[in-house]
Amino acid sequence: MARDIGKRLNQLHTRRSGVDRLGRLAQDAANEILQKSSREESWQKRARDQPYTRYCLGAMQEVDQDYTRISVETAERVGKQLLEGLQASNIPVEFRLQGSVPLNVHIRGVSDVDLLTLETSFLRYDSTGRMAQSGLYYPSNKSSLEVLSALRSESEKILKAKYPAATVDTSGGKAIAISGGSLPRPVDVVPSHWYDTADFQASELQRDRGVFILDKKVPTELSNFPFRHIHEINQQDLAAGAGLKKAIRLCKNVKNDAIEDGKKIVFPSFDIASTMYHCDLNGLRVGTFYELAVLAETQRFLDELYHNSEKAKSLLVPDGSRRIFDSDEKYEGLRTLSVEMDDLAKEVAKEQSILLKYGGTDPSLGDSRRVLNGTYVAS
């Protein structure tokens, strides 16, 4: 943990309030954020004389609901403009949100929203599924790559025409990034189409339905299961008494602040969420009353994976489609984050225990966790 905890507290507030991304917003939205940023959030009024504790509490909290609402509304607004333009080009589409915003594990007041733009005249399906075996699908003479490339090209034209004052960045492989102009939040438009898995054909539940998205840079199409991921994380979070999402936000904030301090951490947000999905739910559940227990379990689990690379590299993402640590770089990112979390746990524990603070030696991680698991922080 950086010794300049004041700097990290400022960065946390700046990130949560959206002040760090004013240049990506419409002027009126930027002014509104600046005005609102002067207000203290509830976490900033707690543990006044314990900055590490205050940082930990703030890093676990969800972003202000008004910020999230505006992000979702902006994505819907972009979707309406795309729908109008694509219908005029005889391309039928529907929209869904994916990523950290609908999952509510985003950590920024100004978060990019992933808007899946799904062409509905074409889909792929698992030929072994119930509906396929019943003859409910019809083969197409088109390919995913052909359909997605055309959808991407047309979407780029429409967004540039509909938002002439905005920045429409078409350089990304998987998404068209649009920001500024009249938009109060940035939006990432992701051209895609449905993939009806065998599970979906049996259940007809959206959580079992996959999508194919385009990677323009290759070019190729990639399968993705965003709704299964959201469902699985939500279910685990319920079982953990809302502790899982707190742990994910904590990891993401600590990672961002470590990077600001010059550390290299290649550990994508999706993989952070996937990793914490596997931690001890009982440990997180203690956090419903003793909030710092979420830090204790987060530190414990990351430390376990730090020392057990075989276990870490066996873990799968929640939808089961791949291993989380499919590169050495990601595993090194986890190890760096683990060290950061060790230091944070010790510093918070010292603020909560006179014995640890004045014990004369660096407290052990076990002693630090025991303090965190039994400390109530008044609100």
Protein backbone atom coordinates (compact mmCIF):
# COMPACT_ATOMS: atom_id res chain seq x y z
CA MET A 1 0.00 0.00 0.00
CA ALA A 2 1.29 3.44 -0.84
CA ARG A 3 2.29 5.29 2.27
CA ASP A 4 0.51 8.39 0.93
CA ILE A 5 -2.99 7.28 1.89
CA GLY A 6 -4.21 10.87 1.48
CA LYS A 7 -3.38 10.67 -2.21
CA ARG A 8 -5.32 7.44 -2.55
CA LEU A 9 -8.32 8.89 -0.76
CA ASN A 10 -8.31 11.82 -3.17
CA GLN A 11 -8.03 9.48 -6.15
CA LEU A 12 -10.89 7.38 -4.84
CA HIS A 13 -13.13 10.43 -4.49
CA THR A 14 -12.13 11.76 -7.89
CA ARG A 15 -12.83 8.42 -9.55
CA ARG A 16 -16.19 7.93 -7.83
CA SER A 17 -17.33 11.50 -8.50
CA GLY A 18 -16.38 11.39 -12.19
CA VAL A 19 -14.05 14.39 -12.03
CA ASP A 20 -11.26 12.30 -13.60
CA ARG A 21 -13.18 12.03 -16.90
CA LEU A 22 -14.67 15.46 -17.42
CA GLY A 23 -13.04 15.73 -20.85
CA ARG A 24 -15.19 12.88 -22.14
CA LEU A 25 -18.50 14.56 -21.31
CA ALA A 26 -20.88 17.17 -22.61
CA GLN A 27 -20.20 20.56 -20.99
CA ASP A 28 -23.45 20.66 -19.00
CA ALA A 29 -22.82 17.14 -17.67
CA ALA A 30 -19.26 18.10 -16.72
CA ASN A 31 -20.53 21.18 -14.86
CA GLU A 32 -23.08 19.08 -12.99
CA ILE A 33 -20.41 16.60 -11.92
CA LEU A 34 -18.10 19.36 -10.74
CA GLN A 35 -20.87 20.85 -8.65
CA LYS A 36 -21.82 17.51 -7.13
CA SER A 37 -18.22 16.52 -6.45
CA SER A 38 -17.97 19.02 -3.60
CA ARG A 39 -20.46 17.00 -1.55
CA GLU A 40 -19.20 14.37 0.85
CA GLU A 41 -20.39 10.81 0.41
CA SER A 42 -21.46 8.87 3.50
CA TRP A 43 -18.24 6.82 3.60
CA GLN A 44 -16.18 10.01 3.77
CA LYS A 45 -17.83 10.89 7.09
CA ARG A 46 -16.83 7.63 8.74
CA ALA A 47 -13.60 6.70 10.53
CA ARG A 48 -12.48 10.33 10.37
CA ASP A 49 -9.20 9.66 12.17
CA GLN A 50 -8.55 6.36 10.40
CA PRO A 51 -7.70 7.09 6.75
CA TYR A 52 -6.86 3.52 5.73
CA THR A 53 -10.16 2.30 7.17
CA ARG A 54 -12.03 5.12 5.44
CA TYR A 55 -10.37 4.25 2.15
CA CYS A 56 -11.32 0.59 2.51
CA LEU A 57 -14.95 1.42 3.30
CA GLY A 58 -15.19 3.79 0.35
CA ALA A 59 -13.52 1.40 -2.07
CA MET A 60 -16.17 -1.24 -1.36
CA GLN A 61 -19.23 0.97 -1.90
CA GLU A 62 -21.33 1.07 -5.04
CA VAL A 63 -21.21 4.21 -7.16
CA ASP A 64 -23.92 6.81 -6.53
CA GLN A 65 -27.16 5.52 -8.08
CA ASP A 66 -27.74 8.78 -9.95
CA TYR A 67 -24.44 8.35 -11.79
CA THR A 68 -25.38 4.79 -12.73
CA ARG A 69 -28.86 5.83 -13.86
CA ILE A 70 -27.42 8.48 -16.18
CA SER A 71 -24.99 5.92 -17.65
CA VAL A 72 -27.83 3.53 -18.44
CA GLU A 73 -30.05 6.29 -19.85
CA THR A 74 -27.23 7.48 -22.10
CA ALA A 75 -26.75 3.98 -23.50
CA GLU A 76 -30.50 3.75 -24.14
CA ARG A 77 -30.43 7.10 -25.92
CA VAL A 78 -27.60 5.96 -28.20
CA GLY A 79 -29.53 2.75 -28.80
CA LYS A 80 -32.60 4.66 -29.99
CA GLN A 81 -30.53 6.60 -32.51
CA LEU A 82 -28.90 3.42 -33.75
CA LEU A 83 -32.24 1.64 -34.01
CA GLU A 84 -33.67 4.41 -36.17
CA GLY A 85 -30.66 4.45 -38.49
CA LEU A 86 -30.29 0.68 -38.77
CA GLN A 87 -34.00 0.16 -39.44
CA ALA A 88 -33.71 2.64 -42.31
CA SER A 89 -30.96 0.37 -43.68
CA ASN A 90 -33.16 -2.72 -43.22
CA ILE A 91 -31.01 -4.09 -40.40
CA PRO A 92 -33.22 -5.22 -37.48
CA VAL A 93 -31.57 -4.98 -34.06
CA GLU A 94 -32.22 -5.09 -30.35
CA PHE A 95 -30.08 -3.96 -27.45
CA ARG A 96 -28.75 -5.28 -24.16
CA LEU A 97 -26.23 -3.99 -21.62
CA GLN A 98 -23.21 -6.02 -20.58
CA GLY A 99 -20.24 -5.42 -18.32
CA SER A 100 -19.66 -3.84 -14.92
CA VAL A 101 -22.46 -1.24 -15.02
CA PRO A 102 -25.45 -3.63 -15.21
CA LEU A 103 -23.61 -5.88 -12.73
CA ASN A 104 -23.10 -2.87 -10.42
CA VAL A 105 -19.41 -3.46 -9.81
CA HIS A 106 -18.21 -0.35 -11.68
CA ILE A 107 -16.04 2.00 -9.64
CA ARG A 108 -16.23 5.21 -11.66
CA GLY A 109 -18.86 7.92 -11.61
CA VAL A 110 -18.23 8.26 -15.34
CA SER A 111 -18.16 4.66 -16.54
CA ASP A 112 -18.16 3.45 -20.13
CA VAL A 113 -21.35 1.47 -20.75
CA ASP A 114 -21.21 -1.56 -23.06
CA LEU A 115 -24.21 -1.51 -25.40
CA LEU A 116 -24.63 -4.81 -27.22
CA THR A 117 -26.19 -4.06 -30.61
CA LEU A 118 -27.64 -7.39 -31.67
CA GLU A 119 -28.70 -8.02 -35.24
CA THR A 120 -31.83 -10.17 -35.02
CA SER A 121 -32.10 -11.40 -38.62
CA PHE A 122 -29.20 -13.78 -38.02
CA LEU A 123 -28.06 -16.06 -35.20
CA ARG A 124 -25.93 -19.11 -34.59
CA TYR A 125 -27.16 -22.13 -32.68
CA ASP A 126 -25.95 -25.35 -31.14
CA SER A 127 -27.18 -28.07 -33.47
CA THR A 128 -27.41 -30.56 -30.57
CA GLY A 129 -29.97 -28.43 -28.68
CA ARG A 130 -33.65 -29.26 -28.25
CA MET A 131 -34.95 -26.53 -30.54
CA ALA A 132 -32.43 -27.36 -33.25
CA GLN A 133 -33.31 -31.04 -33.08
CA SER A 134 -36.99 -30.07 -33.45
CA GLY A 135 -36.27 -28.19 -36.67
CA LEU A 136 -37.02 -24.72 -35.28
CA TYR A 137 -33.97 -23.09 -36.86
CA TYR A 138 -33.23 -22.42 -40.49
CA PRO A 139 -29.67 -22.35 -41.86
CA SER A 140 -28.40 -19.12 -43.41
CA ASN A 141 -26.16 -18.61 -46.39
CA LYS A 142 -24.46 -15.77 -44.51
CA SER A 143 -21.59 -16.03 -42.02
CA SER A 144 -21.16 -14.37 -38.63
CA LEU A 145 -18.18 -12.44 -39.91
CA GLU A 146 -20.12 -11.12 -42.88
CA VAL A 147 -23.12 -10.06 -40.79
CA LEU A 148 -21.08 -8.49 -38.00
CA SER A 149 -18.77 -6.63 -40.37
CA ALA A 150 -21.73 -5.07 -42.17
CA LEU A 151 -23.38 -4.16 -38.85
CA ARG A 152 -20.15 -2.58 -37.62
CA SER A 153 -19.66 -0.55 -40.79
CA GLU A 154 -23.24 0.74 -40.81
CA SER A 155 -23.20 1.53 -37.07
CA GLU A 156 -20.04 3.61 -37.48
CA LYS A 157 -21.68 5.67 -40.26
CA ILE A 158 -24.87 6.21 -38.25
CA LEU A 159 -23.12 7.28 -35.06
CA LYS A 160 -20.95 9.78 -36.92
CA ALA A 161 -24.01 11.23 -38.63
CA LYS A 162 -26.22 11.30 -35.52
CA TYR A 163 -23.55 12.73 -33.20
CA PRO A 164 -21.42 15.10 -35.31
CA ALA A 165 -20.16 16.98 -32.24
CA ALA A 166 -19.14 13.81 -30.38
CA THR A 167 -15.94 11.82 -30.63
CA VAL A 168 -16.71 8.55 -32.43
CA ASP A 169 -13.62 6.36 -32.05
CA THR A 170 -13.72 3.48 -34.54
CA SER A 171 -10.18 2.26 -33.89
CA GLY A 172 -11.17 -0.38 -31.32
CA GLY A 173 -11.46 -3.97 -32.40
CA LYS A 174 -14.61 -4.91 -30.49
CA ALA A 175 -16.43 -1.64 -29.80
CA ILE A 176 -17.19 1.77 -31.26
CA ALA A 177 -16.46 4.27 -28.48
CA ILE A 178 -18.59 7.41 -28.50
CA SER A 179 -18.15 10.28 -26.04
CA GLY A 180 -18.50 14.04 -25.67
CA GLY A 181 -20.76 16.20 -27.77
CA SER A 182 -24.22 16.10 -26.20
CA LEU A 183 -23.63 12.82 -24.36
CA PRO A 184 -23.50 12.95 -20.54
CA ARG A 185 -21.65 9.60 -20.44
CA PRO A 186 -19.38 7.63 -22.81
CA VAL A 187 -20.87 4.55 -24.49
CA ASP A 188 -19.16 1.56 -26.12
CA VAL A 189 -21.30 0.14 -28.94
CA VAL A 190 -20.59 -3.57 -29.46
CA PRO A 191 -21.93 -5.06 -32.76
CA SER A 192 -23.13 -8.60 -32.11
CA HIS A 193 -25.71 -11.29 -32.75
CA TRP A 194 -27.29 -14.04 -30.65
CA TYR A 195 -25.91 -17.51 -30.06
CA ASP A 196 -28.55 -20.01 -28.92
CA THR A 197 -26.68 -22.52 -26.79
CA ALA A 198 -28.07 -25.97 -25.98
CA ASP A 199 -28.78 -24.70 -22.46
CA PHE A 200 -30.77 -21.76 -23.83
CA GLN A 201 -32.74 -24.04 -26.13
CA ALA A 202 -33.75 -26.07 -23.07
CA SER A 203 -34.46 -23.21 -20.65
CA GLU A 204 -35.26 -20.26 -22.96
CA LEU A 205 -33.73 -18.03 -20.27
CA GLN A 206 -31.59 -15.08 -21.36
CA ARG A 207 -28.89 -16.00 -18.88
CA ASP A 208 -28.22 -19.14 -20.93
CA ARG A 209 -28.02 -17.31 -24.24
CA GLY A 210 -24.66 -16.36 -25.70
CA VAL A 211 -23.60 -13.76 -28.22
CA PHE A 212 -21.01 -13.48 -30.95
CA ILE A 213 -19.13 -10.19 -31.23
CA LEU A 214 -16.76 -8.91 -33.89
CA ASP A 215 -13.06 -8.30 -33.46
CA LYS A 216 -12.49 -5.99 -36.40
CA LYS A 217 -8.72 -6.00 -36.06
CA VAL A 218 -8.28 -9.69 -36.96
CA PRO A 219 -11.05 -9.86 -38.27
CA THR A 220 -12.92 -12.70 -36.55
CA GLU A 221 -15.99 -13.38 -34.46
CA LEU A 222 -15.75 -14.27 -30.77
CA SER A 223 -18.27 -16.04 -28.55
CA ASN A 224 -19.22 -14.40 -25.28
CA PHE A 225 -21.61 -15.24 -22.43
CA PRO A 226 -22.24 -11.92 -20.64
CA PHE A 227 -25.61 -12.79 -19.13
CA ARG A 228 -24.40 -16.05 -17.61
CA HIS A 229 -21.55 -14.09 -16.01
CA ILE A 230 -23.95 -11.49 -14.59
CA HIS A 231 -26.33 -14.17 -13.30
CA GLU A 232 -23.61 -16.20 -11.60
CA ILE A 233 -22.02 -13.19 -9.90
CA ASN A 234 -25.45 -11.98 -8.73
CA GLN A 235 -26.28 -15.38 -7.24
CA GLN A 236 -22.93 -15.60 -5.42
CA ASP A 237 -23.34 -12.06 -4.14
CA LEU A 238 -26.73 -12.94 -2.68
CA ALA A 239 -25.20 -15.96 -0.97
CA ALA A 240 -22.38 -13.75 0.36
CA GLY A 241 -24.71 -11.15 1.87
CA ALA A 242 -23.66 -8.57 -0.74
CA GLY A 243 -20.01 -9.14 0.16
CA LEU A 244 -18.85 -10.41 -3.22
CA LYS A 245 -19.52 -7.20 -5.11
CA LYS A 246 -17.87 -5.22 -2.31
CA ALA A 247 -14.79 -7.41 -2.67
CA ILE A 248 -14.74 -6.92 -6.45
CA ARG A 249 -14.99 -3.13 -6.14
CA LEU A 250 -12.29 -3.14 -3.46
CA CYS A 251 -9.91 -5.06 -5.72
CA LYS A 252 -10.62 -2.83 -8.70
CA ASN A 253 -10.03 0.37 -6.71
CA VAL A 254 -6.81 -0.90 -5.13
CA LYS A 255 -5.61 -2.03 -8.56
CA ASN A 256 -6.31 1.40 -10.09
CA ASP A 257 -4.56 3.26 -7.28
CA ALA A 258 -1.55 0.94 -7.45
CA ILE A 259 -1.28 1.66 -11.17
CA GLU A 260 -1.45 5.39 -10.40
CA ASP A 261 1.55 4.80 -8.12
CA GLY A 262 3.49 3.26 -11.00
CA LYS A 263 2.82 -0.44 -10.41
CA LYS A 264 2.17 -2.72 -13.39
CA ILE A 265 -0.97 -4.80 -12.88
CA VAL A 266 -2.34 -6.63 -15.92
CA PHE A 267 -5.49 -8.06 -14.36
CA PRO A 268 -8.68 -7.12 -16.26
CA SER A 269 -11.84 -6.23 -14.35
CA PHE A 270 -13.70 -9.24 -15.75
CA ASP A 271 -11.00 -11.54 -14.40
CA ILE A 272 -10.96 -9.81 -11.02
CA ALA A 273 -14.70 -10.45 -10.70
CA SER A 274 -14.21 -14.03 -11.88
CA THR A 275 -11.46 -14.62 -9.32
CA MET A 276 -13.39 -13.26 -6.35
CA TYR A 277 -16.36 -15.39 -7.41
CA HIS A 278 -14.39 -18.37 -6.06
CA CYS A 279 -13.52 -17.00 -2.62
CA ASP A 280 -15.07 -18.17 0.68
CA LEU A 281 -18.65 -16.93 0.81
CA ASN A 282 -18.85 -17.51 4.57
CA GLY A 283 -15.89 -15.19 5.02
CA LEU A 284 -17.55 -12.49 2.94
CA ARG A 285 -20.88 -12.96 4.71
CA VAL A 286 -19.30 -11.83 8.00
CA GLY A 287 -19.09 -8.44 6.31
CA THR A 288 -22.85 -7.89 6.62
CA PHE A 289 -22.10 -6.65 10.16
CA TYR A 290 -18.31 -6.42 10.39
CA GLU A 291 -17.64 -4.64 7.09
CA LEU A 292 -13.88 -4.97 7.29
CA ALA A 293 -14.27 -8.74 7.10
CA VAL A 294 -14.66 -8.27 3.35
CA LEU A 295 -11.09 -6.95 3.28
CA ALA A 296 -9.98 -9.86 5.47
CA GLU A 297 -11.40 -12.50 3.11
CA THR A 298 -10.22 -10.66 0.00
CA GLN A 299 -6.68 -10.53 1.38
CA ARG A 300 -6.80 -14.16 2.53
CA PHE A 301 -7.99 -15.51 -0.82
CA LEU A 302 -5.59 -13.48 -2.94
CA ASP A 303 -2.76 -14.56 -0.65
CA GLU A 304 -3.81 -18.20 -1.03
CA LEU A 305 -3.70 -17.89 -4.81
CA TYR A 306 -0.37 -16.04 -4.60
CA HIS A 307 1.15 -19.07 -2.90
CA ASN A 308 -0.72 -21.72 -4.89
CA SER A 309 -0.30 -21.10 -8.58
CA GLU A 310 -1.71 -24.54 -9.42
CA LYS A 311 -5.02 -23.70 -7.76
CA ALA A 312 -5.10 -20.22 -9.27
CA LYS A 313 -4.51 -21.51 -12.77
CA SER A 314 -7.24 -24.14 -12.39
CA LEU A 315 -10.00 -21.58 -11.74
CA LEU A 316 -12.60 -21.00 -14.44
CA VAL A 317 -14.57 -17.86 -15.23
CA PRO A 318 -18.16 -18.10 -13.89
CA ASP A 319 -19.64 -19.07 -17.26
CA GLY A 320 -17.14 -21.94 -17.51
CA SER A 321 -15.86 -20.93 -20.94
CA ARG A 322 -12.13 -20.58 -20.08
CA ARG A 323 -9.55 -20.47 -17.32
CA ILE A 324 -9.19 -17.12 -15.60
CA PHE A 325 -5.39 -17.09 -15.61
CA ASP A 326 -4.79 -17.97 -19.23
CA SER A 327 -1.57 -15.95 -19.33
CA ASP A 328 1.42 -15.55 -17.02
CA GLU A 329 0.94 -11.78 -17.17
CA LYS A 330 -2.48 -12.04 -15.52
CA TYR A 331 -1.14 -14.25 -12.76
CA GLU A 332 1.65 -11.77 -12.09
CA GLY A 333 -1.01 -9.07 -11.93
CA LEU A 334 -2.83 -11.06 -9.25
CA ARG A 335 0.39 -11.45 -7.27
CA THR A 336 1.02 -7.70 -7.35
CA LEU A 337 -2.56 -7.00 -6.28
CA SER A 338 -2.18 -9.54 -3.47
CA VAL A 339 0.83 -7.69 -2.05
CA GLU A 340 -1.14 -4.43 -2.19
CA MET A 341 -4.02 -6.07 -0.31
CA ASP A 342 -1.64 -7.49 2.32
CA ASP A 343 -0.37 -4.01 3.09
CA LEU A 344 -3.87 -2.51 3.18
CA ALA A 345 -5.13 -5.22 5.56
CA LYS A 346 -2.23 -4.60 7.95
CA GLU A 347 -2.68 -0.83 7.93
CA VAL A 348 -6.43 -1.02 8.53
CA ALA A 349 -5.93 -3.58 11.32
CA LYS A 350 -3.38 -1.32 13.03
CA GLU A 351 -5.94 1.49 13.02
CA GLN A 352 -8.43 -0.83 14.73
CA SER A 353 -6.09 -2.42 17.30
CA ILE A 354 -3.81 -0.61 19.73
CA LEU A 355 -1.92 -3.87 20.30
CA LEU A 356 -1.10 -4.19 16.61
CA LYS A 357 -0.37 -0.50 16.21
CA TYR A 358 2.11 -0.33 19.08
CA GLY A 359 3.27 -3.95 19.10
CA GLY A 360 6.74 -3.01 17.95
CA THR A 361 6.74 -5.41 15.01
CA ASP A 362 4.95 -5.68 11.69
CA PRO A 363 1.65 -7.45 12.44
CA SER A 364 1.11 -10.85 10.89
CA LEU A 365 -1.58 -11.30 8.26
CA GLY A 366 -3.36 -13.80 10.50
CA ASP A 367 -3.51 -11.35 13.40
CA SER A 368 -4.63 -8.61 11.04
CA ARG A 369 -7.49 -10.74 9.70
CA ARG A 370 -8.64 -11.63 13.22
CA VAL A 371 -8.92 -7.93 14.06
CA LEU A 372 -10.72 -7.11 10.81
CA ASN A 373 -13.19 -9.97 11.26
CA GLY A 374 -14.25 -8.73 14.68
CA THR A 375 -14.30 -4.94 14.25
CA TYR A 376 -17.48 -2.93 13.92
CA VAL A 377 -17.09 0.50 12.34
CA ALA A 378 -19.77 2.93 13.41
CA SER A 379 -21.74 4.65 10.67
